[in-house]
Amino acid sequence: MMAWMAAICPITDEQALVNSETVGDIREFRCPSCGDFKITNSATAMFKGLSAEQKLERFEYARAIAGDNAITVTTEHGSIDTEDQ
């Protein structure tokens, strides 16, 4: 059984849940806005320096890449080039 604890979503900074049984570098979140997703600790650290708009942009990019699969946000999603859009 998964153990969910109160947490702050690293994407939206709103109240969310985190799976306390997450193993390794990846943490699993459940957010009312983002839904269920996983994020690496390094991506969480990187996101701390971004604006709310930048974080959401990168999350949407990760969600688009994931398609029907589980969303996992990594530092690769921090280097997207949004200048051309």
C-alpha atoms as a PDB file:
ATOM      1  CA  MET A   1       0.000   0.000   0.000  1.00  0.00           C
ATOM      2  CA  MET A   2       1.308   3.435  -0.892  1.00  0.00           C
ATOM      3  CA  ALA A   3       1.784   5.966   1.877  1.00  0.00           C
ATOM      4  CA  TRP A   4       0.847   9.461   0.713  1.00  0.00           C
ATOM      5  CA  MET A   5       1.872  12.484   2.790  1.00  0.00           C
ATOM      6  CA  ALA A   6       1.009  16.175   2.542  1.00  0.00           C
ATOM      7  CA  ALA A   7       3.505  18.087   0.413  1.00  0.00           C
ATOM      8  CA  ILE A   8       3.893  21.090  -1.869  1.00  0.00           C
ATOM      9  CA  CYS A   9       3.770  20.466  -5.617  1.00  0.00           C
ATOM     10  CA  PRO A  10       7.164  21.371  -7.148  1.00  0.00           C
ATOM     11  CA  ILE A  11       5.358  22.613 -10.271  1.00  0.00           C
ATOM     12  CA  THR A  12       2.459  24.716  -8.944  1.00  0.00           C
ATOM     13  CA  ASP A  13       3.552  25.283  -5.299  1.00  0.00           C
ATOM     14  CA  GLU A  14       0.074  24.248  -4.151  1.00  0.00           C
ATOM     15  CA  GLN A  15      -0.952  21.613  -1.620  1.00  0.00           C
ATOM     16  CA  ALA A  16      -0.349  18.138  -3.003  1.00  0.00           C
ATOM     17  CA  LEU A  17       0.570  14.648  -1.876  1.00  0.00           C
ATOM     18  CA  VAL A  18       3.900  12.860  -2.139  1.00  0.00           C
ATOM     19  CA  ASN A  19       4.435   9.115  -1.978  1.00  0.00           C
ATOM     20  CA  SER A  20       6.678   8.536   1.042  1.00  0.00           C
ATOM     21  CA  GLU A  21       7.726   5.165  -0.370  1.00  0.00           C
ATOM     22  CA  THR A  22       9.392   6.648  -3.442  1.00  0.00           C
ATOM     23  CA  VAL A  23      12.725   4.926  -3.997  1.00  0.00           C
ATOM     24  CA  GLY A  24      15.911   6.499  -5.307  1.00  0.00           C
ATOM     25  CA  ASP A  25      16.117   9.855  -7.082  1.00  0.00           C
ATOM     26  CA  ILE A  26      12.495   9.953  -8.254  1.00  0.00           C
ATOM     27  CA  ARG A  27       9.584  11.215  -6.151  1.00  0.00           C
ATOM     28  CA  GLU A  28       5.942  10.598  -6.997  1.00  0.00           C
ATOM     29  CA  PHE A  29       3.456  13.451  -6.555  1.00  0.00           C
ATOM     30  CA  ARG A  30      -0.326  13.716  -6.740  1.00  0.00           C
ATOM     31  CA  CYS A  31      -1.443  17.298  -7.394  1.00  0.00           C
ATOM     32  CA  PRO A  32      -5.003  18.613  -7.960  1.00  0.00           C
ATOM     33  CA  SER A  33      -3.771  20.665 -10.944  1.00  0.00           C
ATOM     34  CA  CYS A  34      -1.011  18.459 -12.399  1.00  0.00           C
ATOM     35  CA  GLY A  35      -2.453  15.046 -11.621  1.00  0.00           C
ATOM     36  CA  ASP A  36      -0.096  12.167 -10.847  1.00  0.00           C
ATOM     37  CA  PHE A  37       3.511  12.573 -11.946  1.00  0.00           C
ATOM     38  CA  LYS A  38       7.063  11.693 -10.993  1.00  0.00           C
ATOM     39  CA  ILE A  39       9.982  14.098 -10.797  1.00  0.00           C
ATOM     40  CA  THR A  40      13.677  13.586 -10.150  1.00  0.00           C
ATOM     41  CA  ASN A  41      15.283  15.327  -7.169  1.00  0.00           C
ATOM     42  CA  SER A  42      17.635  17.170  -9.532  1.00  0.00           C
ATOM     43  CA  ALA A  43      14.688  18.464 -11.577  1.00  0.00           C
ATOM     44  CA  THR A  44      12.977  19.605  -8.362  1.00  0.00           C
ATOM     45  CA  ALA A  45      16.120  21.551  -7.434  1.00  0.00           C
ATOM     46  CA  MET A  46      16.342  23.061 -10.918  1.00  0.00           C
ATOM     47  CA  PHE A  47      12.658  24.079 -10.870  1.00  0.00           C
ATOM     48  CA  LYS A  48      13.197  26.113  -7.676  1.00  0.00           C
ATOM     49  CA  GLY A  49      14.966  28.765  -9.749  1.00  0.00           C
ATOM     50  CA  LEU A  50      12.233  29.048 -12.373  1.00  0.00           C
ATOM     51  CA  SER A  51       9.146  31.247 -12.583  1.00  0.00           C
ATOM     52  CA  ALA A  52       5.694  29.666 -12.233  1.00  0.00           C
ATOM     53  CA  GLU A  53       5.189  30.100 -15.980  1.00  0.00           C
ATOM     54  CA  GLN A  54       8.504  28.409 -16.796  1.00  0.00           C
ATOM     55  CA  LYS A  55       7.751  25.487 -14.476  1.00  0.00           C
ATOM     56  CA  LEU A  56       4.317  24.946 -16.012  1.00  0.00           C
ATOM     57  CA  GLU A  57       5.756  25.209 -19.526  1.00  0.00           C
ATOM     58  CA  ARG A  58       8.306  22.499 -18.773  1.00  0.00           C
ATOM     59  CA  PHE A  59       5.721  20.299 -17.081  1.00  0.00           C
ATOM     60  CA  GLU A  60       3.402  20.558 -20.101  1.00  0.00           C
ATOM     61  CA  TYR A  61       6.364  19.602 -22.304  1.00  0.00           C
ATOM     62  CA  ALA A  62       7.065  16.533 -20.136  1.00  0.00           C
ATOM     63  CA  ARG A  63       3.354  15.621 -20.250  1.00  0.00           C
ATOM     64  CA  ALA A  64       3.288  15.944 -24.053  1.00  0.00           C
ATOM     65  CA  ILE A  65       6.329  13.680 -24.406  1.00  0.00           C
ATOM     66  CA  ALA A  66       4.859  11.098 -22.001  1.00  0.00           C
ATOM     67  CA  GLY A  67       1.651  10.753 -24.026  1.00  0.00           C
ATOM     68  CA  ASP A  68      -0.332   7.913 -22.443  1.00  0.00           C
ATOM     69  CA  ASN A  69       2.603   6.877 -20.249  1.00  0.00           C
ATOM     70  CA  ALA A  70       3.357   8.036 -16.718  1.00  0.00           C
ATOM     71  CA  ILE A  71       4.821  11.539 -16.601  1.00  0.00           C
ATOM     72  CA  THR A  72       8.381  11.737 -15.294  1.00  0.00           C
ATOM     73  CA  VAL A  73       9.911  15.210 -15.178  1.00  0.00           C
ATOM     74  CA  THR A  74      13.719  15.239 -15.452  1.00  0.00           C
ATOM     75  CA  THR A  75      16.365  17.934 -15.880  1.00  0.00           C
ATOM     76  CA  GLU A  76      16.138  17.339 -19.645  1.00  0.00           C
ATOM     77  CA  HIS A  77      12.812  19.164 -19.516  1.00  0.00           C
ATOM     78  CA  GLY A  78      14.592  22.209 -18.100  1.00  0.00           C
ATOM     79  CA  SER A  79      16.609  22.834 -21.217  1.00  0.00           C
ATOM     80  CA  ILE A  80      13.750  23.122 -23.694  1.00  0.00           C
ATOM     81  CA  ASP A  81      14.115  25.949 -26.164  1.00  0.00           C
ATOM     82  CA  THR A  82      10.937  28.020 -26.002  1.00  0.00           C
ATOM     83  CA  GLU A  83      12.301  30.965 -27.983  1.00  0.00           C
ATOM     84  CA  ASP A  84      10.981  29.695 -31.315  1.00  0.00           C
ATOM     85  CA  GLN A  85       7.382  29.192 -30.233  1.00  0.00           C
END
